[in-house]
C-alpha atoms as a PDB file:
ATOM      1  CA  MET A   1      76.264  93.907  49.259  1.00  0.00           C
ATOM      2  CA  THR A   2      73.215  94.392  47.094  1.00  0.00           C
ATOM      3  CA  ARG A   3      71.947  97.540  45.481  1.00  0.00           C
ATOM      4  CA  SER A   4      69.157  97.743  48.069  1.00  0.00           C
ATOM      5  CA  ASP A   5      71.805  97.889  50.812  1.00  0.00           C
ATOM      6  CA  LEU A   6      73.110 101.180  49.455  1.00  0.00           C
ATOM      7  CA  VAL A   7      71.294 104.255  50.701  1.00  0.00           C
ATOM      8  CA  SER A   8      71.859 107.433  48.792  1.00  0.00           C
ATOM      9  CA  PRO A   9      72.017 110.644  50.803  1.00  0.00           C
ATOM     10  CA  TRP A  10      69.826 112.060  48.036  1.00  0.00           C
ATOM     11  CA  SER A  11      66.993 109.592  48.634  1.00  0.00           C
ATOM     12  CA  LEU A  12      63.866 111.597  49.291  1.00  0.00           C
ATOM     13  CA  THR A  13      60.975 110.669  51.473  1.00  0.00           C
ATOM     14  CA  PRO A  14      57.565 111.327  49.915  1.00  0.00           C
ATOM     15  CA  GLN A  15      57.109 114.259  52.295  1.00  0.00           C
ATOM     16  CA  VAL A  16      60.387 115.877  51.244  1.00  0.00           C
ATOM     17  CA  ALA A  17      59.635 115.285  47.562  1.00  0.00           C
ATOM     18  CA  ALA A  18      56.209 116.914  47.987  1.00  0.00           C
ATOM     19  CA  ALA A  19      57.746 119.879  49.799  1.00  0.00           C
ATOM     20  CA  LEU A  20      60.331 120.382  47.039  1.00  0.00           C
ATOM     21  CA  GLU A  21      57.641 120.152  44.364  1.00  0.00           C
ATOM     22  CA  PHE A  22      55.569 122.743  46.243  1.00  0.00           C
ATOM     23  CA  LEU A  23      58.574 125.082  46.482  1.00  0.00           C
ATOM     24  CA  LEU A  24      59.419 124.724  42.804  1.00  0.00           C
ATOM     25  CA  THR A  25      55.808 125.248  41.744  1.00  0.00           C
ATOM     26  CA  THR A  26      55.359 128.393  43.827  1.00  0.00           C
ATOM     27  CA  GLN A  27      58.710 129.806  42.667  1.00  0.00           C
ATOM     28  CA  VAL A  28      57.828 129.087  39.029  1.00  0.00           C
ATOM     29  CA  ALA A  29      54.592 131.029  39.519  1.00  0.00           C
ATOM     30  CA  GLN A  30      56.506 133.915  41.111  1.00  0.00           C
ATOM     31  CA  VAL A  31      59.039 134.147  38.259  1.00  0.00           C
ATOM     32  CA  TYR A  32      56.226 133.904  35.706  1.00  0.00           C
ATOM     33  CA  ARG A  33      54.232 136.705  37.374  1.00  0.00           C
ATOM     34  CA  ASP A  34      57.290 138.877  37.937  1.00  0.00           C
ATOM     35  CA  THR A  35      58.439 138.916  34.317  1.00  0.00           C
ATOM     36  CA  PRO A  36      58.626 142.709  34.051  1.00  0.00           C
ATOM     37  CA  ASP A  37      58.332 143.139  30.322  1.00  0.00           C
ATOM     38  CA  ARG A  38      55.322 141.290  28.954  1.00  0.00           C
ATOM     39  CA  ARG A  39      56.969 141.340  25.534  1.00  0.00           C
ATOM     40  CA  GLU A  40      59.353 138.779  27.032  1.00  0.00           C
ATOM     41  CA  ASN A  41      57.885 135.308  27.212  1.00  0.00           C
ATOM     42  CA  PRO A  42      57.281 134.520  30.913  1.00  0.00           C
ATOM     43  CA  THR A  43      57.698 130.795  30.271  1.00  0.00           C
ATOM     44  CA  GLN A  44      61.088 131.524  28.738  1.00  0.00           C
ATOM     45  CA  ALA A  45      61.979 133.501  31.870  1.00  0.00           C
ATOM     46  CA  VAL A  46      61.191 130.367  33.912  1.00  0.00           C
ATOM     47  CA  ALA A  47      63.356 128.262  31.584  1.00  0.00           C
ATOM     48  CA  ILE A  48      66.250 130.700  31.898  1.00  0.00           C
ATOM     49  CA  ARG A  49      65.942 130.913  35.697  1.00  0.00           C
ATOM     50  CA  TRP A  50      66.396 127.153  36.111  1.00  0.00           C
ATOM     51  CA  ASP A  51      68.439 126.500  32.951  1.00  0.00           C
ATOM     52  CA  ALA A  52      65.680 124.177  31.752  1.00  0.00           C
ATOM     53  CA  ALA A  53      64.300 123.379  28.330  1.00  0.00           C
ATOM     54  CA  HIS A  54      61.378 125.539  27.254  1.00  0.00           C
ATOM     55  CA  SER A  55      59.128 122.462  27.163  1.00  0.00           C
ATOM     56  CA  THR A  56      60.056 121.608  30.755  1.00  0.00           C
ATOM     57  CA  ALA A  57      59.366 125.172  31.878  1.00  0.00           C
ATOM     58  CA  ALA A  58      56.015 125.061  30.067  1.00  0.00           C
ATOM     59  CA  LYS A  59      55.076 121.909  31.994  1.00  0.00           C
ATOM     60  CA  TRP A  60      56.031 123.598  35.260  1.00  0.00           C
ATOM     61  CA  VAL A  61      53.907 126.634  34.346  1.00  0.00           C
ATOM     62  CA  MET A  62      50.969 124.376  33.474  1.00  0.00           C
ATOM     63  CA  ARG A  63      51.336 122.640  36.867  1.00  0.00           C
ATOM     64  CA  ALA A  64      51.457 126.005  38.667  1.00  0.00           C
ATOM     65  CA  ARG A  65      48.331 127.108  36.804  1.00  0.00           C
ATOM     66  CA  ALA A  66      46.522 123.807  37.475  1.00  0.00           C
ATOM     67  CA  GLU A  67      47.305 124.067  41.180  1.00  0.00           C
ATOM     68  CA  GLY A  68      45.921 127.604  41.340  1.00  0.00           C
ATOM     69  CA  TYR A  69      49.168 129.568  41.692  1.00  0.00           C
ATOM     70  CA  LEU A  70      48.619 131.333  38.359  1.00  0.00           C
ATOM     71  CA  GLU A  71      45.478 132.742  36.791  1.00  0.00           C
ATOM     72  CA  ALA A  72      43.863 130.791  33.995  1.00  0.00           C
ATOM     73  CA  VAL A  73      44.371 132.245  30.538  1.00  0.00           C
ATOM     74  CA  ASP A  74      42.080 132.242  27.536  1.00  0.00           C
ATOM     75  CA  GLY A  75      43.507 131.269  24.190  1.00  0.00           C
ATOM     76  CA  LYS A  76      47.025 130.669  22.997  1.00  0.00           C
ATOM     77  CA  ASP A  77      48.088 134.316  23.177  1.00  0.00           C
ATOM     78  CA  GLY A  78      47.720 134.352  26.957  1.00  0.00           C
ATOM     79  CA  GLN A  79      44.973 136.971  27.142  1.00  0.00           C
ATOM     80  CA  ARG A  80      43.230 136.975  30.518  1.00  0.00           C
END
């Protein structure tokens, strides 16, 4: 038996992978927007929600913004 003979139940078709990415991206945008206290860092709220590194959460937020699920921001301080 070769490695290619083994099929993982976790193997994803491209369609399923795209659907999961869409769900994650839209949920990231929702958590980011719903951060109630703007003194709290919304990206940190995303990181906490998924127990992810801050840098990973920041990449997810950038993807959500690039795909139009979040408003663009001007400058580093996040002013709209």
